[in-house]
Protein backbone atom coordinates (compact mmCIF):
# COMPACT_ATOMS: atom_id res chain seq x y z
CA MET A 1 -77.38 145.76 6.46
CA LYS A 2 -79.00 144.84 9.75
CA GLY A 3 -78.03 143.74 13.22
CA TRP A 4 -74.54 143.80 14.69
CA ALA A 5 -72.73 144.55 11.39
CA HIS A 6 -74.73 147.76 10.91
CA ALA A 7 -74.15 148.81 14.51
CA LEU A 8 -70.43 148.20 14.21
CA ARG A 9 -70.10 150.02 10.87
CA SER A 10 -72.02 153.02 12.14
CA GLN A 11 -69.32 153.53 14.79
CA LEU A 12 -66.52 153.62 12.22
CA PRO A 13 -65.30 156.83 10.58
CA PRO A 14 -66.88 157.37 7.12
CA SER A 15 -63.64 156.49 5.33
CA HIS A 16 -63.82 152.96 6.80
CA ARG A 17 -67.49 152.28 6.00
CA ARG A 18 -67.24 149.99 3.01
CA ARG A 19 -69.39 147.12 1.92
CA GLY A 20 -68.09 143.61 2.42
CA GLY A 21 -66.48 144.18 5.79
CA GLY A 22 -63.24 145.65 4.41
CA GLY A 23 -63.55 148.70 6.63
CA VAL A 24 -64.08 146.62 9.76
CA ARG A 25 -61.04 144.48 9.03
CA ARG A 26 -58.95 147.52 8.18
CA HIS A 27 -60.04 149.29 11.38
CA ALA A 28 -59.27 146.20 13.50
CA ALA A 29 -55.85 145.82 11.85
CA ARG A 30 -55.07 149.47 12.54
CA GLY A 31 -55.89 148.92 16.21
CA GLN A 32 -53.61 145.89 16.37
CA ARG A 33 -50.76 147.85 14.79
CA ALA A 34 -51.26 150.68 17.26
CA ARG A 35 -51.18 148.26 20.20
CA ARG A 36 -48.05 146.55 18.81
CA GLY A 37 -46.39 149.95 18.34
CA ALA A 38 -47.25 150.99 21.89
CA ARG A 39 -45.70 147.79 23.28
CA HIS A 40 -42.58 148.32 21.16
CA ALA A 41 -42.28 151.99 22.11
CA ALA A 42 -42.64 151.22 25.81
CA GLY A 43 -39.65 148.87 25.65
CA SER A 44 -37.46 151.17 23.57
CA GLU A 45 -37.00 154.19 25.80
CA GLY A 46 -33.24 154.53 25.27
CA ALA A 47 -30.64 151.86 24.64
CA HIS A 48 -31.18 148.15 25.03
CA VAL A 49 -29.81 146.27 28.01
CA ALA A 50 -26.01 146.32 28.10
CA GLN A 51 -24.27 143.06 27.18
CA LYS A 52 -20.96 141.91 28.65
CA VAL A 53 -18.63 140.44 26.02
CA SER A 54 -15.14 139.03 26.36
CA CYS A 55 -12.71 138.47 23.47
CA THR A 56 -9.27 136.95 23.19
CA ILE A 57 -7.25 138.67 20.48
CA GLU A 58 -4.15 137.04 18.98
CA LEU A 59 -2.20 139.78 17.18
CA ILE A 60 0.85 139.87 14.95
CA ALA A 61 2.73 143.16 14.60
CA VAL A 62 3.34 143.96 10.94
CA LYS A 63 5.51 147.00 11.63
CA PRO A 64 8.71 146.46 13.61
CA PRO A 65 8.75 147.44 17.29
CA ARG A 66 10.35 150.70 18.37
CA THR A 67 8.85 152.81 15.59
CA LEU A 68 6.48 155.77 15.85
CA TYR A 69 3.64 153.86 14.20
CA ALA A 70 2.39 150.36 14.92
CA GLU A 71 0.10 148.10 12.91
CA ASN A 72 -1.38 144.72 13.82
CA PHE A 73 -3.53 142.02 12.27
CA GLY A 74 -5.02 139.15 14.21
CA THR A 75 -7.82 136.79 15.11
CA LEU A 76 -10.64 137.24 17.61
CA ALA A 77 -12.42 134.62 19.68
CA CYS A 78 -15.30 136.26 21.53
CA THR A 79 -18.24 135.11 23.62
CA PRO A 80 -21.24 134.02 21.48
CA THR A 81 -22.66 137.55 21.14
CA LEU A 82 -19.94 138.31 18.59
CA GLY A 83 -18.29 134.96 17.83
CA LYS A 84 -15.05 134.63 15.86
CA GLY A 85 -13.49 137.21 13.59
CA VAL A 86 -10.38 139.14 12.61
CA GLN A 87 -8.99 142.52 13.62
CA HIS A 88 -6.84 145.24 12.10
CA ASP A 89 -5.49 148.17 14.08
CA SER A 90 -2.96 150.91 13.65
CA SER A 91 -1.64 153.31 16.23
CA PHE A 92 0.70 156.12 17.07
CA VAL A 93 3.37 155.17 19.61
CA THR A 94 4.05 157.61 22.45
CA PRO A 95 7.08 156.59 24.54
CA THR A 96 6.94 157.63 28.21
CA GLY A 97 10.35 156.18 29.04
CA ARG A 98 12.98 153.91 27.60
CA PHE A 99 10.85 150.77 28.12
CA ALA A 100 7.32 152.15 28.47
CA GLY A 101 4.74 154.11 26.54
CA SER A 102 1.32 153.91 24.94
CA PHE A 103 -0.33 153.06 21.64
CA THR A 104 -3.32 155.16 20.52
CA GLY A 105 -5.30 154.62 17.35
CA PRO A 106 -8.26 153.21 15.44
CA TYR A 107 -9.23 149.57 15.04
CA GLN A 108 -11.77 147.54 13.12
CA GLN A 109 -13.08 144.08 13.96
CA PHE A 110 -14.66 141.94 11.24
CA PHE A 111 -17.22 139.26 12.13
CA GLU A 112 -19.44 137.02 10.01
CA VAL A 113 -22.50 139.30 10.27
CA GLY A 114 -20.95 142.75 10.67
CA THR A 115 -18.07 144.87 11.91
CA LEU A 116 -17.24 146.97 14.95
CA TYR A 117 -14.92 149.96 14.85
CA GLY A 118 -13.56 152.50 17.27
CA HIS A 119 -10.40 153.61 19.00
CA PHE A 120 -8.12 152.40 21.76
CA THR A 121 -5.33 153.49 24.07
CA ILE A 122 -3.11 150.81 25.53
CA ASN A 123 -0.11 151.33 27.80
CA TYR A 124 2.89 149.04 27.53
CA VAL A 125 5.88 148.18 29.69
CA THR A 126 8.78 146.18 28.23
CA ASP A 127 11.05 144.00 30.36
CA PRO A 128 14.55 145.06 29.24
CA THR A 129 16.11 141.64 29.86
CA THR A 130 13.53 139.42 28.11
CA LEU A 131 11.83 141.99 25.84
CA ALA A 132 8.47 140.63 27.04
CA VAL A 133 5.75 143.27 27.04
CA THR A 134 2.70 143.76 29.28
CA TYR A 135 -0.33 145.74 28.09
CA ASP A 136 -3.13 147.54 29.95
CA GLY A 137 -5.60 149.94 28.34
CA THR A 138 -9.07 150.98 27.26
CA ILE A 139 -11.15 150.55 24.12
CA ASN A 140 -14.20 152.41 22.80
CA ILE A 141 -16.67 151.11 20.24
CA ASP A 142 -17.88 154.00 18.12
CA GLY A 143 -20.14 152.04 15.77
CA GLY A 144 -20.55 149.09 13.50
CA THR A 145 -22.02 147.71 10.31
CA GLY A 146 -24.42 144.89 9.48
CA LYS A 147 -25.94 143.28 12.57
CA TYR A 148 -23.79 145.56 14.76
CA LYS A 149 -24.82 148.80 13.01
CA ASN A 150 -26.10 150.55 16.14
CA TYR A 151 -23.71 149.06 18.68
CA ARG A 152 -21.66 151.27 21.00
CA GLY A 153 -19.58 150.43 24.03
CA SER A 154 -16.35 150.53 25.96
CA GLY A 155 -14.07 148.19 27.79
CA THR A 156 -10.64 147.23 29.01
CA LEU A 157 -7.62 145.64 27.35
CA LYS A 158 -5.06 143.49 29.18
CA GLY A 159 -2.41 141.20 27.85
CA GLY A 160 1.16 140.54 26.95
CA SER A 161 3.74 139.55 24.39
CA PRO A 162 6.84 137.38 24.72
CA ASP A 163 8.68 139.27 21.96
CA ALA A 164 6.80 142.50 21.03
CA ILE A 165 5.70 140.79 17.79
CA ARG A 166 3.10 138.19 18.86
CA SER A 167 0.60 139.51 21.43
CA THR A 168 -2.39 138.06 23.24
CA ILE A 169 -4.91 140.61 24.51
CA THR A 170 -8.07 140.02 26.53
CA GLU A 171 -10.81 142.51 25.72
CA ASP A 172 -13.69 142.87 28.21
CA LEU A 173 -16.50 144.97 26.72
CA THR A 174 -19.85 146.36 27.69
CA LEU A 175 -21.95 146.70 24.51
CA THR A 176 -25.18 148.64 24.09
CA HIS A 177 -27.49 148.70 21.11
CA LYS A 178 -29.05 152.09 20.38
């Protein structure tokens, strides 16, 4: 072994000095992996950039209004980050007056490539003459599965219902990926 190959191999640790250049290739590959890891680590100091997402939720109440527990199923149409899906939620009803109160409980949203789950609190006010309902509240994303496994976030809920059975809610979220 003469020339540049010998000079290069003599600078390698003994465990990498093999005939046929295997040690040189292995050492070079290790350096590339280290550089790639350093670039990745530099960009991963904490959560990824927050994403703004908006969803329109069309819900149907499956438990009658004016009970202590509520349950809904419905469809979701979100901005492209999440896409289309379905939702199930259940909640405990806390009346604050004859025509007002709040719903608090867990929810789960199912999308093509994963799910999101968390909890929400939404206040309601019912118009006593028409029985139309307005909603205003908050939502927290505690986790997910599949593509959304490490997602977290929070947002607002606003919407209404003409009859306390069919509701349309707009969900504005800020999502982060841990």
